[in-house]
N, C-alpha and C. Protein backbone atom coordinates (compact mmCIF):
# COMPACT_ATOMS: atom_id res chain seq x y z
N MET A 1 22.18 15.73 31.37
CA MET A 1 20.42 15.18 31.60
C MET A 1 20.28 14.98 29.95
N ARG A 2 20.26 16.00 29.27
CA ARG A 2 19.85 16.24 28.21
C ARG A 2 20.17 14.91 26.87
N ARG A 3 21.83 14.81 27.50
CA ARG A 3 22.26 13.98 26.59
C ARG A 3 21.83 12.27 26.94
N TRP A 4 21.58 11.75 28.16
CA TRP A 4 20.57 10.69 28.56
C TRP A 4 19.87 10.59 28.07
N ALA A 5 18.70 11.73 27.78
CA ALA A 5 17.48 11.46 26.95
C ALA A 5 17.60 11.28 25.57
N VAL A 6 18.95 11.89 25.39
CA VAL A 6 18.90 11.58 23.73
C VAL A 6 19.28 10.08 23.36
N ILE A 7 20.09 9.12 24.03
CA ILE A 7 20.57 8.29 24.08
C ILE A 7 19.28 7.37 24.17
N VAL A 8 18.76 7.58 25.38
CA VAL A 8 17.53 6.80 25.84
C VAL A 8 16.55 6.91 24.68
N PHE A 9 16.12 8.11 23.88
CA PHE A 9 15.59 7.71 23.06
C PHE A 9 16.32 7.34 21.67
N CYS A 10 17.25 7.39 21.11
CA CYS A 10 17.94 6.76 20.66
C CYS A 10 17.82 4.77 20.51
N LEU A 11 17.87 4.39 21.94
CA LEU A 11 18.01 3.71 22.33
C LEU A 11 16.32 2.63 21.94
N LEU A 12 15.36 3.53 22.48
CA LEU A 12 14.25 3.32 21.75
C LEU A 12 13.65 3.37 20.61
N THR A 13 13.90 4.02 19.66
CA THR A 13 13.69 4.33 18.48
C THR A 13 14.41 2.99 17.46
N THR A 14 15.63 2.95 17.95
CA THR A 14 16.29 1.91 17.04
C THR A 14 15.81 0.78 16.66
N GLY A 15 15.75 0.67 14.89
CA GLY A 15 14.85 -0.59 14.71
C GLY A 15 13.76 -0.51 14.54
N ALA A 16 12.65 0.25 15.07
CA ALA A 16 11.35 0.23 15.48
C ALA A 16 11.11 1.23 13.56
N ASP A 17 9.55 0.47 13.64
CA ASP A 17 8.61 1.05 12.69
C ASP A 17 7.50 1.65 13.16
N ALA A 18 8.43 3.15 13.20
CA ALA A 18 6.92 3.94 13.87
C ALA A 18 6.09 4.01 13.09
N VAL A 19 4.55 3.92 12.95
CA VAL A 19 3.78 3.90 11.76
C VAL A 19 2.76 4.85 12.98
N MET A 20 1.41 5.61 12.34
CA MET A 20 0.45 5.92 12.63
C MET A 20 -0.55 5.50 13.53
N PRO A 21 -1.24 6.28 14.35
CA PRO A 21 -2.34 5.46 15.03
C PRO A 21 -3.05 4.59 13.63
N PRO A 22 -4.21 3.53 14.17
CA PRO A 22 -4.74 3.29 13.42
C PRO A 22 -6.09 3.88 12.80
N GLU A 23 -6.37 4.53 13.47
CA GLU A 23 -7.80 5.42 13.07
C GLU A 23 -7.07 6.31 12.07
N VAL A 24 -6.06 6.73 11.85
CA VAL A 24 -5.34 7.63 10.66
C VAL A 24 -5.41 6.50 9.53
N TYR A 25 -5.43 5.69 9.40
CA TYR A 25 -5.45 4.77 8.00
C TYR A 25 -6.51 4.30 7.95
N GLN A 26 -7.40 3.89 8.89
CA GLN A 26 -8.89 3.82 8.80
C GLN A 26 -9.70 4.98 7.96
N LYS A 27 -9.11 6.35 8.28
CA LYS A 27 -9.54 7.45 7.80
C LYS A 27 -9.38 7.21 6.43
N ALA A 28 -8.25 7.01 5.86
CA ALA A 28 -7.66 7.43 4.57
C ALA A 28 -8.46 6.12 3.94
N ARG A 29 -8.86 4.87 4.41
CA ARG A 29 -9.66 3.91 3.37
C ARG A 29 -11.29 4.31 3.68
N GLU A 30 -11.63 5.49 4.67
CA GLU A 30 -12.83 5.87 4.48
C GLU A 30 -12.98 7.09 3.32
N ASP A 31 -12.16 7.80 3.43
CA ASP A 31 -11.83 8.68 2.55
C ASP A 31 -11.44 8.38 1.43
N ALA A 32 -10.80 7.45 0.84
CA ALA A 32 -10.39 7.19 -0.75
C ALA A 32 -11.84 6.74 -1.43
N PRO A 33 -11.69 7.66 -2.75
CA PRO A 33 -12.94 7.52 -3.68
C PRO A 33 -13.03 6.31 -4.10
N LEU A 34 -11.90 5.49 -4.53
CA LEU A 34 -11.69 3.97 -5.52
C LEU A 34 -11.09 3.03 -3.90
N HIS A 35 -12.02 1.98 -4.17
CA HIS A 35 -11.57 0.79 -3.21
C HIS A 35 -11.95 -0.33 -4.29
N VAL A 36 -10.82 -1.13 -4.84
CA VAL A 36 -11.07 -2.07 -5.90
C VAL A 36 -10.01 -3.33 -5.49
N GLN A 37 -10.49 -4.20 -6.14
CA GLN A 37 -9.41 -5.38 -6.41
C GLN A 37 -8.91 -5.63 -7.97
N VAL A 38 -7.95 -5.76 -7.98
CA VAL A 38 -6.86 -6.01 -9.34
C VAL A 38 -6.02 -7.08 -9.48
N ALA A 39 -6.16 -7.63 -11.07
CA ALA A 39 -5.46 -8.62 -11.47
C ALA A 39 -4.00 -8.18 -11.69
N ILE A 40 -3.10 -8.33 -10.95
CA ILE A 40 -1.74 -7.96 -11.09
C ILE A 40 -0.81 -8.64 -12.64
N SER A 41 -0.62 -7.52 -13.60
CA SER A 41 -0.08 -8.10 -14.56
C SER A 41 1.55 -8.06 -14.72
N ASP A 42 1.81 -7.15 -14.08
CA ASP A 42 3.26 -6.76 -14.04
C ASP A 42 3.61 -5.70 -12.29
N VAL A 43 5.00 -6.43 -12.04
CA VAL A 43 5.47 -5.34 -10.64
C VAL A 43 7.03 -5.35 -11.12
N ALA A 44 7.18 -4.11 -10.92
CA ALA A 44 8.40 -3.11 -11.44
C ALA A 44 8.95 -3.21 -10.10
N VAL A 45 10.00 -4.22 -9.64
CA VAL A 45 10.91 -4.09 -8.60
C VAL A 45 12.26 -3.33 -8.60
N PRO A 46 12.52 -2.46 -8.17
CA PRO A 46 13.82 -1.65 -8.53
C PRO A 46 14.97 -2.61 -7.67
N GLU A 47 16.14 -2.69 -8.24
CA GLU A 47 17.31 -3.70 -7.74
C GLU A 47 17.39 -3.39 -6.27
N ALA A 48 17.79 -1.94 -5.70
CA ALA A 48 17.68 -1.67 -4.72
C ALA A 48 16.39 -1.27 -3.66
N THR A 49 16.19 -1.95 -2.81
CA THR A 49 15.01 -1.52 -1.91
C THR A 49 15.63 -1.48 -0.57
N PRO A 50 14.70 -0.65 0.34
CA PRO A 50 13.27 -0.02 0.07
C PRO A 50 13.45 1.03 -0.92
N SER A 51 12.15 1.15 -1.45
CA SER A 51 12.19 1.94 -2.97
C SER A 51 10.64 1.88 -3.13
N THR A 52 9.99 1.99 -4.03
CA THR A 52 9.02 2.18 -4.99
C THR A 52 8.94 1.00 -5.95
N CYS A 53 8.00 0.29 -6.10
CA CYS A 53 7.74 -0.94 -6.83
C CYS A 53 6.53 -0.18 -7.74
N ILE A 54 6.42 -0.40 -8.76
CA ILE A 54 5.22 -0.26 -9.89
C ILE A 54 4.36 -0.94 -9.96
N VAL A 55 3.01 -1.28 -9.71
CA VAL A 55 2.22 -1.99 -10.21
C VAL A 55 1.21 -1.71 -11.05
N SER A 56 1.52 -2.85 -12.05
CA SER A 56 0.34 -2.83 -13.20
C SER A 56 -0.34 -3.91 -13.06
N GLY A 57 -1.87 -3.46 -14.12
CA GLY A 57 -3.01 -4.70 -13.49
C GLY A 57 -3.90 -4.17 -13.94
N GLU A 58 -5.27 -4.55 -13.99
CA GLU A 58 -6.57 -4.63 -14.24
C GLU A 58 -7.60 -5.21 -13.30
N ILE A 59 -8.40 -4.06 -13.35
CA ILE A 59 -9.22 -3.93 -12.75
C ILE A 59 -10.09 -5.19 -12.38
N VAL A 60 -10.39 -6.22 -11.51
CA VAL A 60 -11.46 -6.71 -11.51
C VAL A 60 -12.33 -6.92 -10.66
N ARG A 61 -12.73 -6.06 -9.77
CA ARG A 61 -13.31 -6.01 -8.63
C ARG A 61 -13.67 -4.62 -8.39
N ILE A 62 -14.71 -3.63 -8.45
CA ILE A 62 -15.21 -2.14 -7.80
C ILE A 62 -15.71 -2.35 -6.52
N PHE A 63 -15.24 -2.00 -5.40
CA PHE A 63 -16.47 -1.95 -4.35
C PHE A 63 -16.73 -0.53 -4.12
N ARG A 64 -15.88 0.71 -4.37
CA ARG A 64 -15.98 2.18 -4.36
C ARG A 64 -15.65 2.72 -5.54
N ASP A 65 -16.20 3.49 -6.16
CA ASP A 65 -15.87 4.46 -7.26
C ASP A 65 -16.62 5.89 -7.21
N THR A 66 -16.36 6.97 -6.23
CA THR A 66 -17.22 8.00 -5.87
C THR A 66 -17.34 8.93 -7.57
N ALA A 67 -16.22 9.14 -8.44
CA ALA A 67 -16.15 9.89 -9.32
C ALA A 67 -16.71 9.28 -10.63
N GLY A 68 -16.71 7.78 -10.56
CA GLY A 68 -17.29 7.01 -11.88
C GLY A 68 -16.28 7.05 -12.91
N VAL A 69 -14.74 6.86 -12.03
CA VAL A 69 -13.60 6.91 -13.20
C VAL A 69 -13.27 5.62 -14.04
N LEU A 70 -13.89 4.66 -13.43
CA LEU A 70 -13.02 3.29 -13.23
C LEU A 70 -14.38 2.20 -14.26
N ALA A 71 -14.05 1.09 -14.74
CA ALA A 71 -14.82 -0.03 -14.71
C ALA A 71 -13.66 -1.46 -14.64
N VAL A 72 -14.49 -2.30 -14.79
CA VAL A 72 -13.92 -3.59 -14.56
C VAL A 72 -13.34 -3.94 -15.90
N GLY A 73 -12.04 -4.12 -15.71
CA GLY A 73 -11.41 -4.77 -17.34
C GLY A 73 -10.30 -3.75 -17.25
N ASP A 74 -10.70 -2.02 -16.62
CA ASP A 74 -9.66 -1.08 -16.92
C ASP A 74 -8.45 -1.40 -16.58
N ALA A 75 -7.26 -0.54 -17.33
CA ALA A 75 -5.80 -1.08 -16.64
C ALA A 75 -5.66 0.05 -15.83
N VAL A 76 -4.48 -0.11 -15.10
CA VAL A 76 -4.72 0.87 -13.81
C VAL A 76 -3.00 0.63 -13.47
N GLU A 77 -2.06 1.43 -13.04
CA GLU A 77 -0.90 1.47 -12.57
C GLU A 77 -0.53 2.71 -11.48
N PHE A 78 -0.04 1.86 -10.23
CA PHE A 78 0.51 2.99 -8.89
C PHE A 78 1.57 2.71 -8.54
N PRO A 79 2.19 3.39 -7.68
CA PRO A 79 3.61 3.09 -6.91
C PRO A 79 2.93 2.31 -5.53
N VAL A 80 3.99 1.60 -5.04
CA VAL A 80 3.68 0.95 -3.85
C VAL A 80 4.97 0.96 -3.02
N SER A 81 4.99 1.12 -1.81
CA SER A 81 6.36 1.71 -0.78
C SER A 81 6.71 -0.18 -0.85
N CYS A 82 7.70 -0.63 -1.24
CA CYS A 82 8.15 -1.85 -1.13
C CYS A 82 9.24 -1.99 -0.40
N SER A 83 9.49 -2.91 0.51
CA SER A 83 10.95 -3.36 0.98
C SER A 83 11.19 -4.99 0.68
N ARG A 84 12.44 -5.59 1.01
CA ARG A 84 12.54 -6.85 0.90
C ARG A 84 13.01 -7.48 2.53
N ALA A 85 12.29 -8.70 2.48
CA ALA A 85 12.43 -9.15 4.31
C ALA A 85 13.72 -8.83 4.76
N GLY A 86 13.88 -8.31 6.11
CA GLY A 86 14.86 -8.52 6.96
C GLY A 86 15.72 -6.95 6.53
N GLU A 87 15.50 -5.83 5.85
CA GLU A 87 15.98 -4.80 5.26
C GLU A 87 15.57 -4.01 6.33
N GLN A 88 16.21 -2.60 6.65
CA GLN A 88 16.12 -1.73 7.47
C GLN A 88 15.59 -0.90 6.51
N VAL A 89 14.22 -0.64 7.23
CA VAL A 89 13.51 0.93 6.44
C VAL A 89 13.29 1.88 7.31
N PRO A 90 12.99 3.04 6.57
CA PRO A 90 13.14 4.62 7.54
C PRO A 90 12.06 4.73 8.22
N ILE A 91 12.40 4.97 9.53
CA ILE A 91 11.68 5.25 10.52
C ILE A 91 10.15 6.28 10.08
N GLY A 92 8.71 6.08 10.13
CA GLY A 92 7.91 6.67 9.80
C GLY A 92 6.47 6.08 9.53
N GLY A 93 5.59 6.85 8.93
CA GLY A 93 4.15 6.56 8.56
C GLY A 93 3.90 5.18 7.52
N VAL A 94 5.06 4.83 6.70
CA VAL A 94 5.02 4.29 5.48
C VAL A 94 4.51 2.62 5.96
N LEU A 95 3.77 2.38 5.42
CA LEU A 95 3.53 0.72 5.60
C LEU A 95 4.35 -0.08 4.27
N TRP A 96 5.37 -0.45 4.67
CA TRP A 96 6.07 -1.23 3.66
C TRP A 96 5.51 -2.56 3.19
N THR A 97 5.38 -2.85 1.64
CA THR A 97 4.84 -4.02 1.26
C THR A 97 6.02 -5.06 0.57
N ASP A 98 6.18 -6.16 1.35
CA ASP A 98 7.19 -6.92 1.02
C ASP A 98 7.43 -7.25 -0.60
N ALA A 99 8.70 -7.08 -1.49
CA ALA A 99 9.06 -6.92 -2.94
C ALA A 99 8.75 -8.14 -3.47
N ASP A 100 9.16 -9.08 -3.02
CA ASP A 100 9.25 -10.25 -3.52
C ASP A 100 7.79 -11.01 -3.23
N ALA A 101 6.98 -10.78 -2.32
CA ALA A 101 5.49 -11.14 -2.05
C ALA A 101 4.61 -10.30 -3.53
N LEU A 102 5.05 -9.10 -3.32
CA LEU A 102 4.32 -8.34 -4.16
C LEU A 102 4.47 -8.93 -5.56
N ALA A 103 5.92 -9.38 -6.10
CA ALA A 103 6.30 -9.53 -7.44
C ALA A 103 5.57 -11.12 -7.45
N GLU A 104 5.63 -11.82 -6.60
CA GLU A 104 4.53 -12.90 -6.80
C GLU A 104 3.32 -13.01 -7.17
N ALA A 105 2.20 -11.78 -6.35
CA ALA A 105 1.25 -12.18 -5.92
C ALA A 105 0.37 -11.89 -7.31
N ARG A 106 -0.70 -12.60 -7.35
CA ARG A 106 -1.56 -12.55 -8.99
C ARG A 106 -3.03 -11.34 -8.73
N PHE A 107 -3.20 -11.00 -7.51
CA PHE A 107 -3.93 -10.09 -6.90
C PHE A 107 -3.69 -9.33 -5.87
N LEU A 108 -4.61 -8.16 -5.65
CA LEU A 108 -4.34 -7.18 -4.34
C LEU A 108 -5.77 -6.22 -4.63
N GLU A 109 -6.20 -6.00 -3.52
CA GLU A 109 -7.33 -5.01 -3.13
C GLU A 109 -6.62 -3.67 -2.61
N ALA A 110 -7.01 -2.58 -3.23
CA ALA A 110 -6.32 -1.21 -2.57
C ALA A 110 -7.40 -0.59 -2.90
N TYR A 111 -6.99 1.00 -1.70
CA TYR A 111 -7.90 2.35 -1.43
C TYR A 111 -7.07 2.88 -2.59
N LEU A 112 -7.59 3.56 -3.77
CA LEU A 112 -6.87 4.21 -4.72
C LEU A 112 -7.53 5.85 -4.78
N ILE A 113 -6.33 6.58 -5.23
CA ILE A 113 -6.59 8.07 -5.50
C ILE A 113 -6.02 8.66 -6.46
N GLY A 114 -6.75 9.59 -7.41
CA GLY A 114 -6.46 9.58 -8.73
C GLY A 114 -7.39 9.52 -9.94
N SER A 115 -7.60 10.11 -11.05
CA SER A 115 -8.26 9.80 -11.94
C SER A 115 -7.84 8.82 -13.00
N GLY A 116 -7.06 8.31 -13.18
CA GLY A 116 -6.05 7.12 -13.97
C GLY A 116 -5.66 7.49 -15.30
N PRO A 117 -4.93 6.95 -15.91
CA PRO A 117 -4.68 5.63 -15.70
C PRO A 117 -3.44 5.02 -14.44
N SER A 118 -3.13 6.24 -14.24
CA SER A 118 -1.79 6.11 -13.23
C SER A 118 -2.78 6.71 -11.82
N PHE A 119 -2.73 5.82 -10.66
CA PHE A 119 -3.28 6.05 -9.56
C PHE A 119 -2.23 6.27 -8.42
N ASP A 120 -2.18 6.47 -7.19
CA ASP A 120 -1.80 6.35 -6.14
C ASP A 120 -2.96 5.58 -4.86
N VAL A 121 -2.09 4.88 -4.20
CA VAL A 121 -2.57 4.26 -2.90
C VAL A 121 -2.87 5.34 -2.16
N ALA A 122 -4.02 4.66 -1.31
CA ALA A 122 -4.24 6.00 -0.19
C ALA A 122 -3.50 6.01 1.08
N LEU A 123 -2.31 6.46 1.45
CA LEU A 123 -2.06 6.24 3.08
C LEU A 123 -1.56 4.85 2.89
N TYR A 124 -0.99 3.92 1.86
CA TYR A 124 -0.55 2.91 1.58
C TYR A 124 -1.55 1.60 2.13
N GLN A 125 -2.64 1.94 1.86
CA GLN A 125 -4.04 0.87 2.17
C GLN A 125 -3.85 -0.30 0.96
N LEU A 126 -3.43 -1.30 0.89
CA LEU A 126 -3.70 -2.12 -0.02
C LEU A 126 -3.38 -3.55 1.13
N ARG A 127 -3.74 -4.72 0.40
CA ARG A 127 -3.33 -6.23 0.68
C ARG A 127 -3.37 -7.16 -0.39
N LEU A 128 -2.56 -7.46 -0.25
CA LEU A 128 -2.36 -9.17 -1.55
C LEU A 128 -3.28 -9.89 -1.02
N ILE A 129 -4.16 -10.21 -1.91
CA ILE A 129 -5.11 -11.28 -1.73
C ILE A 129 -4.75 -12.34 -2.78
N ALA A 130 -5.50 -13.80 -2.25
CA ALA A 130 -5.38 -15.08 -2.84
C ALA A 130 -6.32 -14.60 -4.33
N ALA A 131 -7.49 -14.30 -4.14
CA ALA A 131 -8.08 -14.26 -5.17
C ALA A 131 -9.48 -12.80 -5.10
N PRO A 132 -9.98 -12.70 -6.23
CA PRO A 132 -10.83 -11.41 -6.14
C PRO A 132 -11.93 -12.15 -5.34
N SER A 133 -12.96 -11.35 -4.85
CA SER A 133 -14.21 -11.90 -3.59
C SER A 133 -15.20 -10.64 -4.14
N GLU A 134 -16.12 -11.03 -3.36
CA GLU A 134 -17.33 -10.48 -3.75
C GLU A 134 -17.59 -9.17 -2.70
N ALA A 135 -17.08 -9.58 -1.29
CA ALA A 135 -16.87 -8.80 -0.30
C ALA A 135 -15.69 -8.39 -0.43
N PRO A 136 -15.29 -7.03 0.49
CA PRO A 136 -13.69 -6.60 0.74
C PRO A 136 -13.17 -7.81 1.52
N GLN A 137 -11.82 -7.66 1.59
CA GLN A 137 -10.87 -8.22 2.21
C GLN A 137 -10.16 -7.15 3.03
N LEU A 138 -10.55 -6.04 2.68
CA LEU A 138 -9.62 -5.03 3.48
C LEU A 138 -10.93 -3.76 3.59
N THR A 139 -11.48 -4.12 4.53
CA THR A 139 -12.49 -2.91 5.03
C THR A 139 -12.18 -1.55 5.39
N ALA A 140 -13.23 -0.86 5.44
CA ALA A 140 -12.96 0.64 5.66
C ALA A 140 -13.14 0.80 7.02
N ASP A 141 -13.87 -0.16 7.84
CA ASP A 141 -13.28 0.06 9.28
C ASP A 141 -12.68 -0.93 10.31
């Protein structure tokens, strides 16, 4: 009986990208000390993905900065979990960003943690955007 349970479990999870409940990601956005929009200047995409792309850019809009560590125009750098279309990614709570779309993007909005100039994205909470905006495009709620 146990063997059948294992087989059924494997069939149900194969190819699935298990993610955390939406409220976990929402809490990460609510708790992140930084919420910014970035003009992307460079994306280092590794040859083999899924992996980590390194994004470099300049702050163009600040929605939240609880510690006062950033100013518009500041240079920032942070890792982004990235994969290419059609790739098998590890099952888990990682929200993978398309590496090719990221490499072509000019702007993104992200919730960050850290004190700079290198930051981390708060629980993968970022969105590629067409242009900076007055209001957030990736809201905390």
